[in-house]
Amino acid sequence: MELRLAQEILTVFLAGLFWTGLFGMLSVWVFYPLALWLAARFARPAAALGSPAKTVTILIAAHNEEHNIIGRLDNIYAVGSADFQFSVLIAIDHSSDWTEPLIREYCAAHPERKIGFFNSEGRGKAAAHNQAMSRIDSDLVLFTDADTIFEPGFIDVIGHVFDDKNVGFCSGELSWRDRNTPHGASSFPVYWRFELFLRRLESRLGICAVGTGACCAMRPELFVPLHATSDTDCSTPLDVVQQGYACTVEPRARAVDFVADTVAGEFRARVRMTSKNLKNTLSSWHWRKSARALPFETLGLVLHKLGRWMTPFLAFAVLAGGLGLGALGDAAAFVTMTSLAGAAVSLAALAGFLMPQVPVLGALGSFAMANAAFAVGAILVLLRKVPSQFGKAQ
């Protein structure tokens, strides 16, 4: 009798594990995107015109960027701006290479260009941004990285988004390339394109609360000082939305960044981004208050961000629950087929990781690596091991 009772309890537990995981994954990857797409078809966003911005400060936080900084400055001034007066401010975060001497030489060679720089007192990107923001008195600040590339028109396009007085934060759209084949896409953009699809829909519906740190702009007066492990792509959009301003995405403001040169480097970069984003989403959003005042934005954060990072754990729940029920002989045909399909996809993803040049398998492998990074990043948050220093993808 006791053995039978224990088996029944285990069966209920495994069934709950399976169905919770499956419903969670469907909600994150199917139901939520479909609901956004349907709602966005009927959305009619209206701009509230105010006083256009006139000045922009382009802020770069740089740590050991001797190989990128000159090319970055050349790119900014090659793109230029027809509608805004802009300047560049570089916050140097304890660089031990030739970053600062190269900047000094560049400024001396181009005295007509408005470029300022200083050495950050604190350590880490957040500290560099906090100190830099106290030096900015322009209408807008545009955050970017030393290895990002703006495409033509970027500054003007993103700057004019703020003609709408309700907009407090705006991200451009970042595309990813391989450094060794700069005009060819890597497998990473397959995942990233889905992310951009969600952001565009959320922006159109006015519930966007996410950003891209390498190419985003904001009204400086809305900036809230960053914690050591936070960044402008994870905390700042949440701070802006909770102050009553809109966070948007502008697809016409395009920029380029590069994936890491090695799989290990790309994995470390994704782990770092996941851990910082997850920690600061949990800590920067006032969940109880915002669930009432900003219900759709809160739902978006749960399904778009938190649910995404929990995907590897949800997938494990589906596999463990389904295979466990199968071992007990209590699995229905649907549960068995779903578990076997999940196992087959996992094997295909492993093959794609080993053979990334195969198109479909390569995309599955990249997706699997992203989810592995999600899992490790989430564990780092639980262990309170979120990095605060600059991380270079090598």
Protein backbone atom coordinates (compact mmCIF):
# COMPACT_ATOMS: atom_id res chain seq x y z
CA MET A 1 0.00 0.00 0.00
CA GLU A 2 2.77 2.44 0.95
CA LEU A 3 4.69 1.60 -2.21
CA ARG A 4 1.61 2.24 -4.34
CA LEU A 5 0.95 5.55 -2.57
CA ALA A 6 4.55 6.62 -3.12
CA GLN A 7 4.26 5.72 -6.80
CA GLU A 8 1.05 7.75 -7.13
CA ILE A 9 2.66 10.76 -5.48
CA LEU A 10 5.67 10.45 -7.77
CA THR A 11 3.39 10.17 -10.80
CA VAL A 12 1.52 13.34 -9.82
CA PHE A 13 4.82 15.14 -9.26
CA LEU A 14 6.26 14.07 -12.60
CA ALA A 15 3.05 14.95 -14.43
CA GLY A 16 3.06 18.39 -12.80
CA LEU A 17 6.69 18.81 -13.76
CA PHE A 18 5.98 17.89 -17.37
CA TRP A 19 2.90 20.06 -17.85
CA THR A 20 4.34 23.06 -16.01
CA GLY A 21 7.45 22.95 -18.18
CA LEU A 22 5.49 22.48 -21.39
CA PHE A 23 2.99 25.26 -20.65
CA GLY A 24 5.82 27.57 -19.60
CA MET A 25 7.76 26.98 -22.81
CA LEU A 26 4.68 27.40 -24.99
CA SER A 27 3.79 30.62 -23.18
CA VAL A 28 7.25 32.10 -23.70
CA TRP A 29 7.92 30.95 -27.26
CA VAL A 30 4.45 30.66 -28.84
CA PHE A 31 1.53 32.17 -26.92
CA TYR A 32 3.18 35.48 -25.95
CA PRO A 33 4.69 36.24 -29.40
CA LEU A 34 1.38 35.33 -31.07
CA ALA A 35 -0.59 37.57 -28.70
CA LEU A 36 1.82 40.46 -29.37
CA TRP A 37 1.53 39.99 -33.13
CA LEU A 38 -2.27 39.96 -33.04
CA ALA A 39 -2.48 42.98 -30.74
CA ALA A 40 0.08 44.96 -32.77
CA ARG A 41 -2.03 44.55 -35.91
CA PHE A 42 -4.64 46.81 -34.35
CA ALA A 43 -2.29 49.21 -32.54
CA ARG A 44 -2.26 52.82 -33.71
CA PRO A 45 0.58 54.55 -31.87
CA ALA A 46 0.32 58.34 -31.69
CA ALA A 47 3.25 60.68 -31.11
CA ALA A 48 3.00 63.64 -28.75
CA LEU A 49 5.30 66.24 -30.30
CA GLY A 50 7.38 68.42 -28.00
CA SER A 51 10.51 70.53 -28.27
CA PRO A 52 13.04 68.71 -30.49
CA ALA A 53 16.42 67.91 -29.01
CA LYS A 54 19.36 69.85 -30.42
CA THR A 55 22.44 68.43 -28.72
CA VAL A 56 23.68 64.86 -28.23
CA THR A 57 26.58 63.46 -26.22
CA ILE A 58 27.89 60.09 -27.42
CA LEU A 59 29.19 58.25 -24.38
CA ILE A 60 31.74 55.42 -24.67
CA ALA A 61 32.96 53.47 -21.65
CA ALA A 62 36.29 51.92 -22.60
CA HIS A 63 38.55 49.40 -20.91
CA ASN A 64 41.65 48.26 -22.85
CA GLU A 65 40.24 49.20 -26.25
CA GLU A 66 43.47 50.11 -28.06
CA HIS A 67 42.45 47.95 -31.04
CA ASN A 68 39.00 49.53 -31.39
CA ILE A 69 38.90 53.10 -30.11
CA ILE A 70 40.34 54.93 -33.14
CA GLY A 71 38.13 53.04 -35.56
CA ARG A 72 35.16 53.79 -33.31
CA LEU A 73 35.82 57.53 -33.36
CA ASP A 74 36.37 57.50 -37.12
CA ASN A 75 33.05 55.71 -37.57
CA ILE A 76 31.14 58.21 -35.41
CA TYR A 77 32.48 61.20 -37.34
CA ALA A 78 32.06 59.47 -40.69
CA VAL A 79 28.38 58.90 -39.88
CA GLY A 80 28.03 62.40 -38.46
CA SER A 81 24.77 64.28 -38.01
CA ALA A 82 22.96 66.83 -40.13
CA ASP A 83 20.38 67.75 -37.47
CA PHE A 84 22.18 67.61 -34.12
CA GLN A 85 25.24 69.15 -32.54
CA PHE A 86 27.10 66.22 -31.05
CA SER A 87 30.18 65.58 -28.97
CA VAL A 88 31.93 62.45 -27.74
CA LEU A 89 32.80 61.66 -24.14
CA ILE A 90 35.00 58.65 -23.33
CA ALA A 91 35.09 57.22 -19.81
CA ILE A 92 38.34 55.26 -19.54
CA ASP A 93 37.98 52.47 -17.01
CA HIS A 94 41.45 51.69 -15.67
CA SER A 95 42.94 50.74 -19.02
CA SER A 96 46.38 49.17 -18.89
CA ASP A 97 47.07 49.36 -22.64
CA TRP A 98 47.44 52.24 -25.13
CA THR A 99 43.79 53.35 -25.04
CA GLU A 100 44.43 56.72 -23.37
CA PRO A 101 47.58 57.68 -25.36
CA LEU A 102 45.77 56.87 -28.61
CA ILE A 103 42.83 59.05 -27.62
CA ARG A 104 45.18 61.92 -26.78
CA GLU A 105 46.89 61.60 -30.16
CA TYR A 106 43.55 61.48 -31.94
CA CYS A 107 42.30 64.61 -30.17
CA ALA A 108 45.52 66.43 -31.04
CA ALA A 109 45.19 65.41 -34.68
CA HIS A 110 41.50 66.47 -34.84
CA PRO A 111 41.15 69.61 -32.69
CA GLU A 112 37.95 70.57 -34.51
CA ARG A 113 36.15 67.51 -33.15
CA LYS A 114 34.49 67.78 -29.75
CA ILE A 115 35.98 64.83 -27.87
CA GLY A 116 36.39 64.69 -24.11
CA PHE A 117 37.78 61.89 -21.98
CA PHE A 118 38.57 61.14 -18.36
CA ASN A 119 39.77 58.29 -16.19
CA SER A 120 37.00 56.73 -14.14
CA GLU A 121 37.56 56.64 -10.40
CA GLY A 122 35.52 53.50 -9.80
CA ARG A 123 35.90 50.16 -11.52
CA GLY A 124 33.51 48.63 -14.00
CA LYS A 125 31.21 49.92 -16.71
CA ALA A 126 28.49 51.01 -14.30
CA ALA A 127 30.89 53.20 -12.33
CA ALA A 128 32.24 54.72 -15.55
CA HIS A 129 28.73 55.57 -16.74
CA ASN A 130 27.71 57.02 -13.36
CA GLN A 131 30.68 59.35 -13.29
CA ALA A 132 30.27 60.33 -16.94
CA MET A 133 26.60 61.25 -16.56
CA SER A 134 27.50 63.98 -14.05
CA ARG A 135 29.52 65.67 -16.84
CA ILE A 136 26.76 65.66 -19.47
CA ASP A 137 24.58 68.71 -20.12
CA SER A 138 23.24 67.89 -23.60
CA ASP A 139 19.60 67.24 -24.49
CA LEU A 140 20.29 63.56 -25.14
CA VAL A 141 22.97 61.02 -24.29
CA LEU A 142 23.73 58.15 -26.67
CA PHE A 143 25.39 55.10 -25.13
CA THR A 144 27.62 52.92 -27.28
CA ASP A 145 30.58 50.54 -27.07
CA ALA A 146 34.09 50.87 -28.42
CA ASP A 147 33.67 47.98 -30.86
CA THR A 148 30.23 48.93 -32.20
CA ILE A 149 29.70 50.45 -35.66
CA PHE A 150 26.95 52.95 -36.47
CA GLU A 151 25.43 52.71 -39.91
CA PRO A 152 24.76 55.94 -41.90
CA GLY A 153 22.08 58.17 -40.41
CA PHE A 154 22.12 56.50 -36.99
CA ILE A 155 22.48 59.64 -34.87
CA ASP A 156 19.82 61.62 -36.73
CA VAL A 157 17.31 58.77 -36.82
CA ILE A 158 17.54 57.87 -33.14
CA GLY A 159 17.71 61.52 -32.10
CA HIS A 160 14.43 62.39 -33.82
CA VAL A 161 12.60 59.65 -31.95
CA PHE A 162 12.74 62.04 -28.99
CA ASP A 163 10.66 64.59 -30.88
CA ASP A 164 7.91 62.65 -29.12
CA LYS A 165 7.95 64.14 -25.63
CA ASN A 166 6.70 60.87 -24.12
CA VAL A 167 9.80 58.93 -25.19
CA GLY A 168 12.49 58.69 -22.53
CA PHE A 169 14.63 55.85 -23.88
CA CYS A 170 15.20 54.42 -27.35
CA SER A 171 17.33 51.59 -28.71
CA GLY A 172 18.52 51.19 -32.24
CA GLU A 173 18.67 47.76 -33.84
CA LEU A 174 21.89 45.85 -33.54
CA SER A 175 22.97 43.22 -36.06
CA TRP A 176 25.71 40.71 -35.35
CA ARG A 177 28.57 39.66 -37.61
CA ASP A 178 31.60 37.45 -37.50
CA ARG A 179 34.85 39.42 -37.27
CA ASN A 180 36.55 37.14 -39.77
CA THR A 181 33.74 37.47 -42.32
CA PRO A 182 32.34 40.95 -41.57
CA HIS A 183 29.71 40.82 -44.30
CA GLY A 184 28.47 37.33 -43.44
CA ALA A 185 26.05 36.50 -40.68
CA SER A 186 26.89 33.99 -37.97
CA SER A 187 24.31 31.56 -36.57
CA PHE A 188 23.74 33.85 -33.58
CA PRO A 189 21.43 36.26 -35.47
CA VAL A 190 18.83 33.48 -35.93
CA TYR A 191 18.07 33.84 -32.23
CA TRP A 192 18.62 37.60 -32.24
CA ARG A 193 16.12 38.19 -35.06
CA PHE A 194 13.40 36.61 -32.94
CA GLU A 195 14.39 38.92 -30.08
CA LEU A 196 14.13 41.97 -32.34
CA PHE A 197 10.74 40.76 -33.58
CA LEU A 198 9.43 40.80 -29.99
CA ARG A 199 10.96 44.19 -29.25
CA ARG A 200 9.39 45.78 -32.31
CA LEU A 201 5.96 44.48 -31.35
CA GLU A 202 6.31 45.56 -27.72
CA SER A 203 7.49 48.99 -28.85
CA ARG A 204 4.51 49.37 -31.17
CA LEU A 205 2.17 48.45 -28.32
CA GLY A 206 3.91 50.83 -25.91
CA ILE A 207 4.93 48.13 -23.42
CA CYS A 208 8.64 47.79 -24.24
CA ALA A 209 10.98 47.79 -21.23
CA VAL A 210 14.23 46.42 -22.68
CA GLY A 211 17.21 48.01 -24.39
CA THR A 212 20.43 47.41 -26.30
CA GLY A 213 23.38 48.92 -24.46
CA ALA A 214 25.62 49.25 -27.53
CA CYS A 215 23.22 51.58 -29.37
CA CYS A 216 20.69 53.32 -27.15
CA ALA A 217 19.81 56.90 -26.22
CA MET A 218 17.91 58.60 -23.41
CA ARG A 219 17.03 61.89 -21.80
CA PRO A 220 19.87 62.46 -19.28
CA GLU A 221 17.56 63.83 -16.59
CA LEU A 222 15.90 60.41 -16.35
CA PHE A 223 19.15 58.57 -15.61
CA VAL A 224 19.23 56.68 -12.31
CA PRO A 225 22.73 55.79 -11.02
CA LEU A 226 23.65 52.21 -11.81
CA HIS A 227 24.58 49.54 -9.31
CA ALA A 228 27.95 47.86 -9.74
CA THR A 229 26.55 44.92 -11.72
CA SER A 230 23.93 46.81 -13.74
CA ASP A 231 24.07 48.36 -17.19
CA THR A 232 22.15 50.71 -19.44
CA ASP A 233 20.56 47.83 -21.36
CA CYS A 234 18.99 46.12 -18.35
CA SER A 235 18.37 48.66 -15.56
CA THR A 236 17.99 51.99 -17.36
CA PRO A 237 14.97 51.08 -19.54
CA LEU A 238 13.17 49.86 -16.41
CA ASP A 239 14.01 53.07 -14.55
CA VAL A 240 12.73 55.19 -17.43
CA VAL A 241 9.46 53.28 -17.82
CA GLN A 242 8.79 53.48 -14.08
CA GLN A 243 9.17 57.26 -14.29
CA GLY A 244 6.26 57.37 -16.74
CA TYR A 245 8.17 57.64 -20.03
CA ALA A 246 8.09 55.31 -23.02
CA CYS A 247 10.89 52.93 -23.96
CA THR A 248 10.97 52.32 -27.71
CA VAL A 249 12.87 50.59 -30.50
CA GLU A 250 13.76 52.34 -33.77
CA PRO A 251 14.48 49.76 -36.51
CA ARG A 252 15.86 52.42 -38.87
CA ALA A 253 18.66 53.31 -36.44
CA ARG A 254 21.01 50.48 -37.27
CA ALA A 255 24.33 49.46 -35.75
CA VAL A 256 26.67 46.49 -36.01
CA ASP A 257 28.49 44.49 -33.36
CA PHE A 258 30.60 41.36 -33.54
CA VAL A 259 30.29 37.91 -32.03
CA ALA A 260 33.27 36.54 -30.16
CA ASP A 261 36.12 34.93 -32.04
CA THR A 262 35.73 31.63 -30.19
CA VAL A 263 32.80 29.53 -28.97
CA ALA A 264 34.14 29.75 -25.41
CA GLY A 265 34.33 33.54 -25.67
CA GLU A 266 30.79 33.78 -26.99
CA PHE A 267 29.53 31.50 -24.23
CA ARG A 268 31.21 33.62 -21.54
CA ALA A 269 29.73 36.78 -23.05
CA ARG A 270 26.23 35.31 -23.00
CA VAL A 271 26.63 34.06 -19.43
CA ARG A 272 27.76 37.52 -18.35
CA MET A 273 24.87 39.26 -20.14
CA THR A 274 22.31 36.82 -18.75
CA SER A 275 23.49 37.09 -15.16
CA LYS A 276 23.59 40.90 -15.21
CA ASN A 277 20.24 41.23 -16.97
CA LEU A 278 18.48 38.71 -14.75
CA LYS A 279 19.82 40.17 -11.50
CA ASN A 280 18.93 43.73 -12.44
CA THR A 281 15.53 42.90 -13.89
CA LEU A 282 14.66 41.32 -10.56
CA SER A 283 16.06 44.19 -8.51
CA SER A 284 15.27 47.28 -10.63
CA TRP A 285 11.61 46.59 -11.36
CA HIS A 286 9.26 47.46 -8.48
CA TRP A 287 7.25 44.31 -8.93
CA ARG A 288 4.36 44.84 -6.53
CA LYS A 289 3.79 48.48 -7.42
CA SER A 290 4.43 48.10 -11.15
CA ALA A 291 2.21 45.02 -11.45
CA ARG A 292 -0.70 47.37 -10.67
CA ALA A 293 0.48 50.52 -12.43
CA LEU A 294 2.16 48.86 -15.43
CA PRO A 295 0.51 45.43 -15.81
CA PHE A 296 1.34 44.84 -19.49
CA GLU A 297 4.96 45.90 -19.10
CA THR A 298 5.23 43.58 -16.09
CA LEU A 299 3.71 40.70 -18.04
CA GLY A 300 6.15 41.40 -20.86
CA LEU A 301 9.11 41.24 -18.49
CA VAL A 302 7.90 37.91 -17.11
CA LEU A 303 7.28 36.27 -20.48
CA HIS A 304 9.88 38.02 -22.63
CA LYS A 305 12.82 38.15 -20.23
CA LEU A 306 12.37 35.98 -17.14
CA GLY A 307 10.65 33.21 -19.08
CA ARG A 308 13.40 33.26 -21.70
CA TRP A 309 16.10 32.82 -19.08
CA MET A 310 14.13 30.03 -17.42
CA THR A 311 13.74 28.11 -20.70
CA PRO A 312 16.53 25.57 -20.01
CA PHE A 313 14.94 24.72 -16.67
CA LEU A 314 11.49 24.44 -18.25
CA ALA A 315 12.91 22.17 -20.96
CA PHE A 316 14.55 20.01 -18.30
CA ALA A 317 11.19 19.77 -16.51
CA VAL A 318 9.52 18.55 -19.71
CA LEU A 319 12.18 15.91 -20.38
CA ALA A 320 12.52 14.77 -16.78
CA GLY A 321 8.78 14.63 -16.22
CA GLY A 322 8.02 12.87 -19.50
CA LEU A 323 10.83 10.34 -19.28
CA GLY A 324 10.03 9.69 -15.63
CA LEU A 325 6.39 8.98 -16.43
CA GLY A 326 7.52 6.73 -19.25
CA ALA A 327 9.76 4.78 -16.87
CA LEU A 328 6.83 4.30 -14.49
CA GLY A 329 4.60 3.20 -17.36
CA ASP A 330 2.15 6.06 -16.71
CA ALA A 331 2.95 8.24 -19.73
CA ALA A 332 0.20 9.00 -22.23
CA ALA A 333 1.08 8.88 -25.93
CA PHE A 334 1.32 12.70 -26.13
CA VAL A 335 3.72 12.85 -23.17
CA THR A 336 5.88 10.11 -24.65
CA MET A 337 6.00 11.69 -28.09
CA THR A 338 6.78 15.13 -26.65
CA SER A 339 9.61 13.78 -24.52
CA LEU A 340 11.08 11.80 -27.42
CA ALA A 341 10.83 14.84 -29.69
CA GLY A 342 12.61 16.93 -27.06
CA ALA A 343 15.34 14.35 -26.75
CA ALA A 344 15.73 14.25 -30.56
CA VAL A 345 15.98 18.05 -30.75
CA SER A 346 18.58 18.00 -27.97
CA LEU A 347 20.69 15.50 -29.91
CA ALA A 348 20.32 17.58 -33.07
CA ALA A 349 21.41 20.67 -31.15
CA LEU A 350 24.47 18.81 -29.90
CA ALA A 351 25.29 17.84 -33.48
CA GLY A 352 24.84 21.46 -34.52
CA PHE A 353 27.21 22.59 -31.79
CA LEU A 354 29.83 20.21 -33.16
CA MET A 355 29.04 21.07 -36.80
CA PRO A 356 27.99 24.75 -36.80
CA GLN A 357 28.52 25.02 -40.56
CA VAL A 358 25.39 22.90 -41.22
CA PRO A 359 22.60 25.54 -41.53
CA VAL A 360 19.70 24.05 -39.55
CA LEU A 361 21.85 22.11 -37.12
CA GLY A 362 24.08 25.15 -36.62
CA ALA A 363 21.07 27.29 -35.66
CA LEU A 364 19.90 24.61 -33.20
CA GLY A 365 23.40 24.39 -31.75
CA SER A 366 23.55 28.16 -31.29
CA PHE A 367 20.12 28.14 -29.64
CA ALA A 368 21.21 25.33 -27.33
CA MET A 369 24.38 27.21 -26.37
CA ALA A 370 22.32 30.31 -25.62
CA ASN A 371 20.09 28.29 -23.32
CA ALA A 372 23.09 26.71 -21.62
CA ALA A 373 24.35 30.24 -21.00
CA PHE A 374 20.93 31.19 -19.61
CA ALA A 375 21.18 28.33 -17.14
CA VAL A 376 24.71 29.19 -16.01
CA GLY A 377 23.84 32.90 -15.78
CA ALA A 378 20.80 32.14 -13.61
CA ILE A 379 22.91 29.96 -11.33
CA LEU A 380 25.44 32.79 -10.97
CA VAL A 381 22.61 35.05 -9.82
CA LEU A 382 21.57 32.49 -7.20
CA LEU A 383 25.20 32.22 -6.06
CA ARG A 384 25.58 36.02 -6.07
CA LYS A 385 28.53 35.77 -8.46
CA VAL A 386 27.36 38.33 -11.04
CA PRO A 387 30.42 40.08 -12.59
CA SER A 388 30.77 43.84 -12.28
CA GLN A 389 33.95 44.38 -14.28
CA PHE A 390 34.26 44.74 -18.04
CA GLY A 391 34.25 41.39 -19.79
CA LYS A 392 35.95 40.94 -23.13
CA ALA A 393 34.74 38.24 -25.45
CA GLN A 394 37.82 36.53 -26.83
